């Protein structure tokens, strides 16, 4: 879930990543709230498509540990 905040004349968003035990994703400097919402939606989509395996592990080892 994203939250939006106005900082001076710009907007920022914060996407929570508590389920993955990671710090929240925060980006700012957007001229309008609509720009911040669009960027937050894009970032959320990228986080969902994020790969959860290391490139240093073999395919066999990956399936053994999953």
C-alpha atoms as a PDB file:
ATOM      1  CA  UNK A   1       0.000   0.000   0.000  1.00  0.00           C
ATOM      2  CA  UNK A   2       1.328   3.404  -0.910  1.00  0.00           C
ATOM      3  CA  UNK A   3       1.049   6.602   1.050  1.00  0.00           C
ATOM      4  CA  UNK A   4       1.530  10.096  -0.362  1.00  0.00           C
ATOM      5  CA  UNK A   5       2.857  13.225   1.291  1.00  0.00           C
ATOM      6  CA  UNK A   6       3.474  16.755   0.137  1.00  0.00           C
ATOM      7  CA  UNK A   7       6.967  18.096   0.908  1.00  0.00           C
ATOM      8  CA  UNK A   8       7.047  21.799   0.191  1.00  0.00           C
ATOM      9  CA  UNK A   9       6.119  22.095  -3.476  1.00  0.00           C
ATOM     10  CA  UNK A  10       6.728  18.444  -4.396  1.00  0.00           C
ATOM     11  CA  UNK A  11       5.093  15.110  -3.626  1.00  0.00           C
ATOM     12  CA  UNK A  12       6.605  11.822  -2.463  1.00  0.00           C
ATOM     13  CA  UNK A  13       5.301   8.293  -2.094  1.00  0.00           C
ATOM     14  CA  UNK A  14       6.171   5.469   0.264  1.00  0.00           C
ATOM     15  CA  UNK A  15       5.425   1.827  -0.554  1.00  0.00           C
ATOM     16  CA  UNK A  16       5.421  -0.507   2.423  1.00  0.00           C
ATOM     17  CA  UNK A  17       7.394  -3.751   2.089  1.00  0.00           C
ATOM     18  CA  UNK A  18       6.821  -5.053   5.619  1.00  0.00           C
ATOM     19  CA  UNK A  19       5.768  -8.517   4.406  1.00  0.00           C
ATOM     20  CA  UNK A  20       9.236  -9.037   2.901  1.00  0.00           C
ATOM     21  CA  UNK A  21      10.998  -7.608   6.003  1.00  0.00           C
ATOM     22  CA  UNK A  22      12.536  -4.853   3.893  1.00  0.00           C
ATOM     23  CA  UNK A  23      12.574  -1.103   4.459  1.00  0.00           C
ATOM     24  CA  UNK A  24       9.869   0.892   2.678  1.00  0.00           C
ATOM     25  CA  UNK A  25      10.462   2.104  -0.863  1.00  0.00           C
ATOM     26  CA  UNK A  26      10.359   5.920  -0.914  1.00  0.00           C
ATOM     27  CA  UNK A  27      10.750   8.256  -3.862  1.00  0.00           C
ATOM     28  CA  UNK A  28       9.988  11.925  -4.164  1.00  0.00           C
ATOM     29  CA  UNK A  29      10.294  15.067  -6.203  1.00  0.00           C
ATOM     30  CA  UNK A  30       7.069  14.708  -8.194  1.00  0.00           C
ATOM     31  CA  UNK A  31       5.401  17.934  -9.320  1.00  0.00           C
ATOM     32  CA  UNK A  32       1.845  16.693  -8.827  1.00  0.00           C
ATOM     33  CA  UNK A  33       0.121  14.064  -6.728  1.00  0.00           C
ATOM     34  CA  UNK A  34      -1.041  12.355  -9.933  1.00  0.00           C
ATOM     35  CA  UNK A  35       2.605  11.941 -10.986  1.00  0.00           C
ATOM     36  CA  UNK A  36       3.404  10.418  -7.591  1.00  0.00           C
ATOM     37  CA  UNK A  37       0.448   8.020  -7.850  1.00  0.00           C
ATOM     38  CA  UNK A  38       1.527   6.916 -11.316  1.00  0.00           C
ATOM     39  CA  UNK A  39       5.110   6.316 -10.173  1.00  0.00           C
ATOM     40  CA  UNK A  40       3.907   4.408  -7.091  1.00  0.00           C
ATOM     41  CA  UNK A  41       1.758   2.128  -9.253  1.00  0.00           C
ATOM     42  CA  UNK A  42       4.711   1.473 -11.554  1.00  0.00           C
ATOM     43  CA  UNK A  43       7.028   0.734  -8.613  1.00  0.00           C
ATOM     44  CA  UNK A  44       4.434  -1.595  -7.076  1.00  0.00           C
ATOM     45  CA  UNK A  45       4.215  -3.530 -10.336  1.00  0.00           C
ATOM     46  CA  UNK A  46       7.993  -3.839 -10.504  1.00  0.00           C
ATOM     47  CA  UNK A  47       8.116  -5.110  -6.929  1.00  0.00           C
ATOM     48  CA  UNK A  48       5.569  -7.811  -7.751  1.00  0.00           C
ATOM     49  CA  UNK A  49       7.672  -8.953 -10.704  1.00  0.00           C
ATOM     50  CA  UNK A  50      10.876  -8.973  -8.669  1.00  0.00           C
ATOM     51  CA  UNK A  51      12.763 -12.230  -8.807  1.00  0.00           C
ATOM     52  CA  UNK A  52      13.334 -14.013  -5.493  1.00  0.00           C
ATOM     53  CA  UNK A  53      16.413 -16.026  -6.338  1.00  0.00           C
ATOM     54  CA  UNK A  54      20.093 -15.303  -6.547  1.00  0.00           C
ATOM     55  CA  UNK A  55      21.951 -15.552  -9.824  1.00  0.00           C
ATOM     56  CA  UNK A  56      24.738 -17.396  -7.986  1.00  0.00           C
ATOM     57  CA  UNK A  57      22.645 -20.501  -7.376  1.00  0.00           C
ATOM     58  CA  UNK A  58      22.085 -23.366  -9.803  1.00  0.00           C
ATOM     59  CA  UNK A  59      18.603 -24.246 -10.990  1.00  0.00           C
ATOM     60  CA  UNK A  60      18.800 -27.595  -9.242  1.00  0.00           C
ATOM     61  CA  UNK A  61      19.735 -25.962  -5.911  1.00  0.00           C
ATOM     62  CA  UNK A  62      16.969 -23.398  -6.328  1.00  0.00           C
ATOM     63  CA  UNK A  63      14.294 -26.073  -6.613  1.00  0.00           C
ATOM     64  CA  UNK A  64      15.815 -28.038  -3.739  1.00  0.00           C
ATOM     65  CA  UNK A  65      15.442 -25.033  -1.397  1.00  0.00           C
ATOM     66  CA  UNK A  66      12.024 -23.831  -2.558  1.00  0.00           C
END
